[in-house]
Amino acid sequence: MNRTDLASTIAQRTGVTVKDATAVIAGLNDVILEAIGRGEKIQLPGLLTIERVERSARTGRNPQTGAEIQIPASHAAKITAGSKLKAAAKG
């Protein structure tokens, strides 16, 4: 399902226009990106949790040459599936 399909399905189930559903999806996207950028945790109970995690600096290897390289510390997004999402995935 892509963004257009998602907007159409939401519009049908909620009785709003596809344009309004698309605007809500875009707004949700913006809010999530801004919150994660600030280091906030987002929880949608039963569905998922999104949080920013720190990755420490480490030593890696160049796969072509085998030479060691230093990988700097960074941040990443961690997404954890909630109980309802896990149950849906099981079928």
PDB file of N, CA and C in Angstrom:
ATOM      1  N   MET A   1       0.852  -1.170   0.000  1.00  0.00           N
ATOM      2  CA  MET A   1       0.000   0.000   0.000  1.00  0.00           C
ATOM      3  C   MET A   1       0.900   1.236   0.000  1.00  0.00           C
ATOM      4  N   ASN A   2       0.651   2.133  -0.934  1.00  0.00           N
ATOM      5  CA  ASN A   2       1.431   3.365  -0.972  1.00  0.00           C
ATOM      6  C   ASN A   2       0.625   4.505  -0.338  1.00  0.00           C
ATOM      7  N   ARG A   3       1.176   5.700  -0.368  1.00  0.00           N
ATOM      8  CA  ARG A   3       0.541   6.845   0.295  1.00  0.00           C
ATOM      9  C   ARG A   3      -0.841   7.153  -0.301  1.00  0.00           C
ATOM     10  N   THR A   4      -0.963   7.068  -1.604  1.00  0.00           N
ATOM     11  CA  THR A   4      -2.244   7.339  -2.266  1.00  0.00           C
ATOM     12  C   THR A   4      -3.302   6.322  -1.843  1.00  0.00           C
ATOM     13  N   ASP A   5      -2.921   5.043  -1.831  1.00  0.00           N
ATOM     14  CA  ASP A   5      -3.844   3.985  -1.397  1.00  0.00           C
ATOM     15  C   ASP A   5      -4.247   4.184   0.060  1.00  0.00           C
ATOM     16  N   LEU A   6      -3.277   4.539   0.892  1.00  0.00           N
ATOM     17  CA  LEU A   6      -3.549   4.767   2.306  1.00  0.00           C
ATOM     18  C   LEU A   6      -4.536   5.918   2.485  1.00  0.00           C
ATOM     19  N   ALA A   7      -4.321   7.013   1.772  1.00  0.00           N
ATOM     20  CA  ALA A   7      -5.216   8.170   1.864  1.00  0.00           C
ATOM     21  C   ALA A   7      -6.621   7.798   1.407  1.00  0.00           C
ATOM     22  N   SER A   8      -6.736   7.035   0.336  1.00  0.00           N
ATOM     23  CA  SER A   8      -8.048   6.617  -0.167  1.00  0.00           C
ATOM     24  C   SER A   8      -8.769   5.736   0.837  1.00  0.00           C
ATOM     25  N   THR A   9      -8.056   4.806   1.438  1.00  0.00           N
ATOM     26  CA  THR A   9      -8.658   3.903   2.420  1.00  0.00           C
ATOM     27  C   THR A   9      -9.105   4.666   3.663  1.00  0.00           C
ATOM     28  N   ILE A  10      -8.269   5.576   4.134  1.00  0.00           N
ATOM     29  CA  ILE A  10      -8.637   6.385   5.298  1.00  0.00           C
ATOM     30  C   ILE A  10      -9.859   7.242   4.975  1.00  0.00           C
ATOM     31  N   ALA A  11      -9.899   7.817   3.802  1.00  0.00           N
ATOM     32  CA  ALA A  11     -11.031   8.648   3.392  1.00  0.00           C
ATOM     33  C   ALA A  11     -12.330   7.839   3.376  1.00  0.00           C
ATOM     34  N   GLN A  12     -12.276   6.632   2.862  1.00  0.00           N
ATOM     35  CA  GLN A  12     -13.466   5.785   2.803  1.00  0.00           C
ATOM     36  C   GLN A  12     -13.949   5.397   4.198  1.00  0.00           C
ATOM     37  N   ARG A  13     -13.020   5.070   5.076  1.00  0.00           N
ATOM     38  CA  ARG A  13     -13.397   4.606   6.416  1.00  0.00           C
ATOM     39  C   ARG A  13     -13.849   5.723   7.347  1.00  0.00           C
ATOM     40  N   THR A  14     -13.384   6.931   7.102  1.00  0.00           N
ATOM     41  CA  THR A  14     -13.702   8.028   8.013  1.00  0.00           C
ATOM     42  C   THR A  14     -14.713   9.009   7.459  1.00  0.00           C
ATOM     43  N   GLY A  15     -15.001   8.945   6.175  1.00  0.00           N
ATOM     44  CA  GLY A  15     -15.964   9.844   5.582  1.00  0.00           C
ATOM     45  C   GLY A  15     -15.408  11.225   5.250  1.00  0.00           C
ATOM     46  N   VAL A  16     -14.102  11.371   5.231  1.00  0.00           N
ATOM     47  CA  VAL A  16     -13.485  12.644   4.830  1.00  0.00           C
ATOM     48  C   VAL A  16     -13.046  12.536   3.378  1.00  0.00           C
ATOM     49  N   THR A  17     -12.642  13.648   2.810  1.00  0.00           N
ATOM     50  CA  THR A  17     -12.188  13.617   1.418  1.00  0.00           C
ATOM     51  C   THR A  17     -10.778  13.044   1.340  1.00  0.00           C
ATOM     52  N   VAL A  18     -10.415  12.575   0.169  1.00  0.00           N
ATOM     53  CA  VAL A  18      -9.064  12.055  -0.054  1.00  0.00           C
ATOM     54  C   VAL A  18      -8.049  13.179   0.161  1.00  0.00           C
ATOM     55  N   LYS A  19      -8.403  14.383  -0.251  1.00  0.00           N
ATOM     56  CA  LYS A  19      -7.515  15.534  -0.068  1.00  0.00           C
ATOM     57  C   LYS A  19      -7.247  15.788   1.423  1.00  0.00           C
ATOM     58  N   ASP A  20      -8.293  15.707   2.242  1.00  0.00           N
ATOM     59  CA  ASP A  20      -8.123  15.903   3.687  1.00  0.00           C
ATOM     60  C   ASP A  20      -7.291  14.777   4.306  1.00  0.00           C
ATOM     61  N   ALA A  21      -7.543  13.546   3.879  1.00  0.00           N
ATOM     62  CA  ALA A  21      -6.780  12.410   4.400  1.00  0.00           C
ATOM     63  C   ALA A  21      -5.305  12.537   4.014  1.00  0.00           C
ATOM     64  N   THR A  22      -5.037  12.982   2.795  1.00  0.00           N
ATOM     65  CA  THR A  22      -3.659  13.189   2.355  1.00  0.00           C
ATOM     66  C   THR A  22      -2.983  14.274   3.180  1.00  0.00           C
ATOM     67  N   ALA A  23      -3.716  15.328   3.497  1.00  0.00           N
ATOM     68  CA  ALA A  23      -3.168  16.408   4.327  1.00  0.00           C
ATOM     69  C   ALA A  23      -2.860  15.920   5.737  1.00  0.00           C
ATOM     70  N   VAL A  24      -3.706  15.066   6.275  1.00  0.00           N
ATOM     71  CA  VAL A  24      -3.464  14.514   7.613  1.00  0.00           C
ATOM     72  C   VAL A  24      -2.222  13.618   7.604  1.00  0.00           C
ATOM     73  N   ILE A  25      -2.078  12.805   6.585  1.00  0.00           N
ATOM     74  CA  ILE A  25      -0.895  11.936   6.478  1.00  0.00           C
ATOM     75  C   ILE A  25       0.371  12.784   6.373  1.00  0.00           C
ATOM     76  N   ALA A  26       0.334  13.840   5.575  1.00  0.00           N
ATOM     77  CA  ALA A  26       1.491  14.729   5.437  1.00  0.00           C
ATOM     78  C   ALA A  26       1.801  15.414   6.766  1.00  0.00           C
ATOM     79  N   GLY A  27       0.761  15.827   7.479  1.00  0.00           N
ATOM     80  CA  GLY A  27       0.952  16.453   8.784  1.00  0.00           C
ATOM     81  C   GLY A  27       1.547  15.484   9.790  1.00  0.00           C
ATOM     82  N   LEU A  28       1.059  14.246   9.796  1.00  0.00           N
ATOM     83  CA  LEU A  28       1.599  13.221  10.688  1.00  0.00           C
ATOM     84  C   LEU A  28       3.071  12.980  10.383  1.00  0.00           C
ATOM     85  N   ASN A  29       3.400  12.911   9.104  1.00  0.00           N
ATOM     86  CA  ASN A  29       4.783  12.732   8.680  1.00  0.00           C
ATOM     87  C   ASN A  29       5.673  13.843   9.241  1.00  0.00           C
ATOM     88  N   ASP A  30       5.225  15.092   9.088  1.00  0.00           N
ATOM     89  CA  ASP A  30       5.999  16.238   9.578  1.00  0.00           C
ATOM     90  C   ASP A  30       6.168  16.201  11.087  1.00  0.00           C
ATOM     91  N   VAL A  31       5.092  15.902  11.808  1.00  0.00           N
ATOM     92  CA  VAL A  31       5.141  15.874  13.271  1.00  0.00           C
ATOM     93  C   VAL A  31       6.103  14.789  13.755  1.00  0.00           C
ATOM     94  N   ILE A  32       6.046  13.612  13.151  1.00  0.00           N
ATOM     95  CA  ILE A  32       6.938  12.514  13.548  1.00  0.00           C
ATOM     96  C   ILE A  32       8.392  12.892  13.293  1.00  0.00           C
ATOM     97  N   LEU A  33       8.691  13.437  12.121  1.00  0.00           N
ATOM     98  CA  LEU A  33      10.072  13.799  11.796  1.00  0.00           C
ATOM     99  C   LEU A  33      10.608  14.878  12.745  1.00  0.00           C
ATOM    100  N   GLU A  34       9.793  15.873  13.057  1.00  0.00           N
ATOM    101  CA  GLU A  34      10.220  16.932  13.964  1.00  0.00           C
ATOM    102  C   GLU A  34      10.447  16.394  15.380  1.00  0.00           C
ATOM    103  N   ALA A  35       9.543  15.550  15.854  1.00  0.00           N
ATOM    104  CA  ALA A  35       9.662  15.003  17.210  1.00  0.00           C
ATOM    105  C   ALA A  35      10.900  14.120  17.341  1.00  0.00           C
ATOM    106  N   ILE A  36      11.138  13.264  16.376  1.00  0.00           N
ATOM    107  CA  ILE A  36      12.312  12.391  16.420  1.00  0.00           C
ATOM    108  C   ILE A  36      13.584  13.234  16.329  1.00  0.00           C
ATOM    109  N   GLY A  37      13.561  14.281  15.528  1.00  0.00           N
ATOM    110  CA  GLY A  37      14.709  15.181  15.423  1.00  0.00           C
ATOM    111  C   GLY A  37      15.049  15.848  16.755  1.00  0.00           C
ATOM    112  N   ARG A  38      14.019  16.090  17.578  1.00  0.00           N
ATOM    113  CA  ARG A  38      14.233  16.684  18.900  1.00  0.00           C
ATOM    114  C   ARG A  38      14.584  15.632  19.950  1.00  0.00           C
ATOM    115  N   GLY A  39      14.542  14.361  19.578  1.00  0.00           N
ATOM    116  CA  GLY A  39      14.870  13.293  20.519  1.00  0.00           C
ATOM    117  C   GLY A  39      13.679  12.793  21.312  1.00  0.00           C
ATOM    118  N   GLU A  40      12.475  13.161  20.910  1.00  0.00           N
ATOM    119  CA  GLU A  40      11.280  12.706  21.617  1.00  0.00           C
ATOM    120  C   GLU A  40      10.883  11.309  21.160  1.00  0.00           C
ATOM    121  N   LYS A  41      10.212  10.601  22.050  1.00  0.00           N
ATOM    122  CA  LYS A  41       9.730   9.260  21.769  1.00  0.00           C
ATOM    123  C   LYS A  41       8.254   9.354  21.369  1.00  0.00           C
ATOM    124  N   ILE A  42       7.855   8.636  20.334  1.00  0.00           N
ATOM    125  CA  ILE A  42       6.474   8.632  19.872  1.00  0.00           C
ATOM    126  C   ILE A  42       5.903   7.245  20.111  1.00  0.00           C
ATOM    127  N   GLN A  43       4.774   7.193  20.822  1.00  0.00           N
ATOM    128  CA  GLN A  43       4.144   5.916  21.118  1.00  0.00           C
ATOM    129  C   GLN A  43       2.710   5.916  20.614  1.00  0.00           C
ATOM    130  N   LEU A  44       2.387   4.933  19.809  1.00  0.00           N
ATOM    131  CA  LEU A  44       1.023   4.676  19.382  1.00  0.00           C
ATOM    132  C   LEU A  44       0.685   3.301  19.961  1.00  0.00           C
ATOM    133  N   PRO A  45       0.071   3.258  21.157  1.00  0.00           N
ATOM    134  CA  PRO A  45      -0.134   1.990  21.873  1.00  0.00           C
ATOM    135  C   PRO A  45      -0.775   0.910  21.008  1.00  0.00           C
ATOM    136  N   GLY A  46      -0.171  -0.259  21.049  1.00  0.00           N
ATOM    137  CA  GLY A  46      -0.638  -1.394  20.279  1.00  0.00           C
ATOM    138  C   GLY A  46      -0.126  -1.413  18.857  1.00  0.00           C
ATOM    139  N   LEU A  47       0.301  -0.248  18.347  1.00  0.00           N
ATOM    140  CA  LEU A  47       0.741  -0.177  16.960  1.00  0.00           C
ATOM    141  C   LEU A  47       2.259  -0.148  16.866  1.00  0.00           C
ATOM    142  N   LEU A  48       2.877   0.942  17.332  1.00  0.00           N
ATOM    143  CA  LEU A  48       4.329   1.031  17.253  1.00  0.00           C
ATOM    144  C   LEU A  48       4.876   2.124  18.159  1.00  0.00           C
ATOM    145  N   THR A  49       6.167   2.050  18.383  1.00  0.00           N
ATOM    146  CA  THR A  49       6.921   3.055  19.118  1.00  0.00           C
ATOM    147  C   THR A  49       8.108   3.446  18.264  1.00  0.00           C
ATOM    148  N   ILE A  50       8.334   4.751  18.144  1.00  0.00           N
ATOM    149  CA  ILE A  50       9.467   5.263  17.377  1.00  0.00           C
ATOM    150  C   ILE A  50      10.300   6.111  18.324  1.00  0.00           C
ATOM    151  N   GLU A  51      11.588   5.858  18.387  1.00  0.00           N
ATOM    152  CA  GLU A  51      12.461   6.655  19.235  1.00  0.00           C
ATOM    153  C   GLU A  51      13.822   6.833  18.593  1.00  0.00           C
ATOM    154  N   ARG A  52      14.503   7.907  19.002  1.00  0.00           N
ATOM    155  CA  ARG A  52      15.853   8.157  18.515  1.00  0.00           C
ATOM    156  C   ARG A  52      16.827   7.502  19.482  1.00  0.00           C
ATOM    157  N   VAL A  53      17.776   6.755  18.942  1.00  0.00           N
ATOM    158  CA  VAL A  53      18.785   6.084  19.757  1.00  0.00           C
ATOM    159  C   VAL A  53      20.172   6.561  19.331  1.00  0.00           C
ATOM    160  N   GLU A  54      21.091   6.462  20.246  1.00  0.00           N
ATOM    161  CA  GLU A  54      22.477   6.847  19.966  1.00  0.00           C
ATOM    162  C   GLU A  54      23.276   5.615  19.585  1.00  0.00           C
ATOM    163  N   ARG A  55      24.100   5.768  18.573  1.00  0.00           N
ATOM    164  CA  ARG A  55      25.043   4.715  18.189  1.00  0.00           C
ATOM    165  C   ARG A  55      26.423   5.205  18.565  1.00  0.00           C
ATOM    166  N   SER A  56      27.120   4.424  19.323  1.00  0.00           N
ATOM    167  CA  SER A  56      28.450   4.841  19.759  1.00  0.00           C
ATOM    168  C   SER A  56      29.464   4.703  18.620  1.00  0.00           C
ATOM    169  N   ALA A  57      30.569   5.406  18.764  1.00  0.00           N
ATOM    170  CA  ALA A  57      31.647   5.304  17.780  1.00  0.00           C
ATOM    171  C   ALA A  57      32.220   3.889  17.835  1.00  0.00           C
ATOM    172  N   ARG A  58      32.645   3.402  16.707  1.00  0.00           N
ATOM    173  CA  ARG A  58      33.184   2.044  16.668  1.00  0.00           C
ATOM    174  C   ARG A  58      34.173   1.900  15.522  1.00  0.00           C
ATOM    175  N   THR A  59      34.869   0.793  15.513  1.00  0.00           N
ATOM    176  CA  THR A  59      35.827   0.496  14.460  1.00  0.00           C
ATOM    177  C   THR A  59      35.191  -0.499  13.503  1.00  0.00           C
ATOM    178  N   GLY A  60      35.272  -0.218  12.216  1.00  0.00           N
ATOM    179  CA  GLY A  60      34.737  -1.111  11.201  1.00  0.00           C
ATOM    180  C   GLY A  60      35.831  -1.515  10.233  1.00  0.00           C
ATOM    181  N   ARG A  61      35.473  -2.249   9.216  1.00  0.00           N
ATOM    182  CA  ARG A  61      36.447  -2.680   8.209  1.00  0.00           C
ATOM    183  C   ARG A  61      35.917  -2.361   6.825  1.00  0.00           C
ATOM    184  N   ASN A  62      36.797  -1.908   5.963  1.00  0.00           N
ATOM    185  CA  ASN A  62      36.466  -1.718   4.561  1.00  0.00           C
ATOM    186  C   ASN A  62      36.409  -3.113   3.949  1.00  0.00           C
ATOM    187  N   PRO A  63      35.267  -3.538   3.415  1.00  0.00           N
ATOM    188  CA  PRO A  63      35.155  -4.906   2.907  1.00  0.00           C
ATOM    189  C   PRO A  63      36.038  -5.193   1.694  1.00  0.00           C
ATOM    190  N   GLN A  64      36.417  -4.171   0.940  1.00  0.00           N
ATOM    191  CA  GLN A  64      37.255  -4.403  -0.240  1.00  0.00           C
ATOM    192  C   GLN A  64      38.723  -4.548   0.119  1.00  0.00           C
ATOM    193  N   THR A  65      39.198  -3.711   1.055  1.00  0.00           N
ATOM    194  CA  THR A  65      40.624  -3.726   1.380  1.00  0.00           C
ATOM    195  C   THR A  65      40.925  -4.392   2.712  1.00  0.00           C
ATOM    196  N   GLY A  66      39.927  -4.517   3.578  1.00  0.00           N
ATOM    197  CA  GLY A  66      40.158  -5.086   4.898  1.00  0.00           C
ATOM    198  C   GLY A  66      40.734  -4.077   5.876  1.00  0.00           C
ATOM    199  N   ALA A  67      40.959  -2.838   5.433  1.00  0.00           N
ATOM    200  CA  ALA A  67      41.531  -1.812   6.301  1.00  0.00           C
ATOM    201  C   ALA A  67      40.509  -1.380   7.353  1.00  0.00           C
ATOM    202  N   GLU A  68      41.017  -1.111   8.554  1.00  0.00           N
ATOM    203  CA  GLU A  68      40.142  -0.636   9.625  1.00  0.00           C
ATOM    204  C   GLU A  68      39.765   0.818   9.376  1.00  0.00           C
ATOM    205  N   ILE A  69      38.519   1.148   9.676  1.00  0.00           N
ATOM    206  CA  ILE A  69      38.059   2.532   9.572  1.00  0.00           C
ATOM    207  C   ILE A  69      37.330   2.888  10.854  1.00  0.00           C
ATOM    208  N   GLN A  70      37.353   4.152  11.207  1.00  0.00           N
ATOM    209  CA  GLN A  70      36.654   4.628  12.384  1.00  0.00           C
ATOM    210  C   GLN A  70      35.272   5.126  11.965  1.00  0.00           C
ATOM    211  N   ILE A  71      34.256   4.573  12.583  1.00  0.00           N
ATOM    212  CA  ILE A  71      32.887   4.996  12.316  1.00  0.00           C
ATOM    213  C   ILE A  71      32.471   5.909  13.464  1.00  0.00           C
ATOM    214  N   PRO A  72      32.123   7.167  13.162  1.00  0.00           N
ATOM    215  CA  PRO A  72      31.804   8.113  14.229  1.00  0.00           C
ATOM    216  C   PRO A  72      30.463   7.807  14.899  1.00  0.00           C
ATOM    217  N   ALA A  73      30.272   8.334  16.094  1.00  0.00           N
ATOM    218  CA  ALA A  73      29.008   8.198  16.802  1.00  0.00           C
ATOM    219  C   ALA A  73      27.913   8.894  15.995  1.00  0.00           C
ATOM    220  N   SER A  74      26.704   8.380  16.084  1.00  0.00           N
ATOM    221  CA  SER A  74      25.596   8.967  15.341  1.00  0.00           C
ATOM    222  C   SER A  74      24.276   8.652  16.034  1.00  0.00           C
ATOM    223  N   HIS A  75      23.191   9.128  15.456  1.00  0.00           N
ATOM    224  CA  HIS A  75      21.849   8.829  15.937  1.00  0.00           C
ATOM    225  C   HIS A  75      21.114   8.031  14.869  1.00  0.00           C
ATOM    226  N   ALA A  76      20.151   7.226  15.309  1.00  0.00           N
ATOM    227  CA  ALA A  76      19.331   6.449  14.384  1.00  0.00           C
ATOM    228  C   ALA A  76      17.911   6.382  14.927  1.00  0.00           C
ATOM    229  N   ALA A  77      16.977   6.023  14.090  1.00  0.00           N
ATOM    230  CA  ALA A  77      15.593   5.833  14.514  1.00  0.00           C
ATOM    231  C   ALA A  77      15.363   4.345  14.772  1.00  0.00           C
ATOM    232  N   LYS A  78      14.718   4.060  15.897  1.00  0.00           N
ATOM    233  CA  LYS A  78      14.391   2.683  16.257  1.00  0.00           C
ATOM    234  C   LYS A  78      12.879   2.559  16.279  1.00  0.00           C
ATOM    235  N   ILE A  79      12.349   1.591  15.554  1.00  0.00           N
ATOM    236  CA  ILE A  79      10.910   1.367  15.500  1.00  0.00           C
ATOM    237  C   ILE A  79      10.618  -0.002  16.100  1.00  0.00           C
ATOM    238  N   THR A  80       9.719  -0.020  17.086  1.00  0.00           N
ATOM    239  CA  THR A  80       9.338  -1.253  17.751  1.00  0.00           C
ATOM    240  C   THR A  80       7.866  -1.521  17.487  1.00  0.00           C
ATOM    241  N   ALA A  81       7.554  -2.701  17.026  1.00  0.00           N
ATOM    242  CA  ALA A  81       6.169  -3.065  16.741  1.00  0.00           C
ATOM    243  C   ALA A  81       5.406  -3.293  18.033  1.00  0.00           C
ATOM    244  N   GLY A  82       4.157  -2.822  18.062  1.00  0.00           N
ATOM    245  CA  GLY A  82       3.278  -3.028  19.208  1.00  0.00           C
ATOM    246  C   GLY A  82       2.564  -4.365  19.109  1.00  0.00           C
ATOM    247  N   SER A  83       1.813  -4.711  20.150  1.00  0.00           N
ATOM    248  CA  SER A  83       1.162  -6.018  20.227  1.00  0.00           C
ATOM    249  C   SER A  83       0.138  -6.234  19.116  1.00  0.00           C
ATOM    250  N   LYS A  84      -0.652  -5.221  18.782  1.00  0.00           N
ATOM    251  CA  LYS A  84      -1.656  -5.378  17.729  1.00  0.00           C
ATOM    252  C   LYS A  84      -1.008  -5.535  16.362  1.00  0.00           C
ATOM    253  N   LEU A  85       0.085  -4.811  16.128  1.00  0.00           N
ATOM    254  CA  LEU A  85       0.801  -4.926  14.856  1.00  0.00           C
ATOM    255  C   LEU A  85       1.428  -6.321  14.731  1.00  0.00           C
ATOM    256  N   LYS A  86       2.003  -6.808  15.821  1.00  0.00           N
ATOM    257  CA  LYS A  86       2.575  -8.152  15.807  1.00  0.00           C
ATOM    258  C   LYS A  86       1.516  -9.209  15.532  1.00  0.00           C
ATOM    259  N   ALA A  87       0.349  -9.046  16.167  1.00  0.00           N
ATOM    260  CA  ALA A  87      -0.735 -10.014  15.969  1.00  0.00           C
ATOM    261  C   ALA A  87      -1.240  -9.985  14.522  1.00  0.00           C
ATOM    262  N   ALA A  88      -1.335  -8.789  13.930  1.00  0.00           N
ATOM    263  CA  ALA A  88      -1.770  -8.669  12.540  1.00  0.00           C
ATOM    264  C   ALA A  88      -0.765  -9.328  11.597  1.00  0.00           C
ATOM    265  N   ALA A  89       0.515  -9.214  11.906  1.00  0.00           N
ATOM    266  CA  ALA A  89       1.547  -9.798  11.061  1.00  0.00           C
ATOM    267  C   ALA A  89       1.507 -11.319  11.116  1.00  0.00           C
ATOM    268  N   LYS A  90       1.095 -11.866  12.250  1.00  0.00           N
ATOM    269  CA  LYS A  90       1.010 -13.326  12.376  1.00  0.00           C
ATOM    270  C   LYS A  90      -0.136 -13.906  11.567  1.00  0.00           C
ATOM    271  N   GLY A  91      -1.116 -13.041  11.293  1.00  0.00           N
ATOM    272  CA  GLY A  91      -2.253 -13.492  10.492  1.00  0.00           C
ATOM    273  C   GLY A  91      -3.354 -13.927  11.357  1.00  0.00           C
TER     274      GLY A  91
END
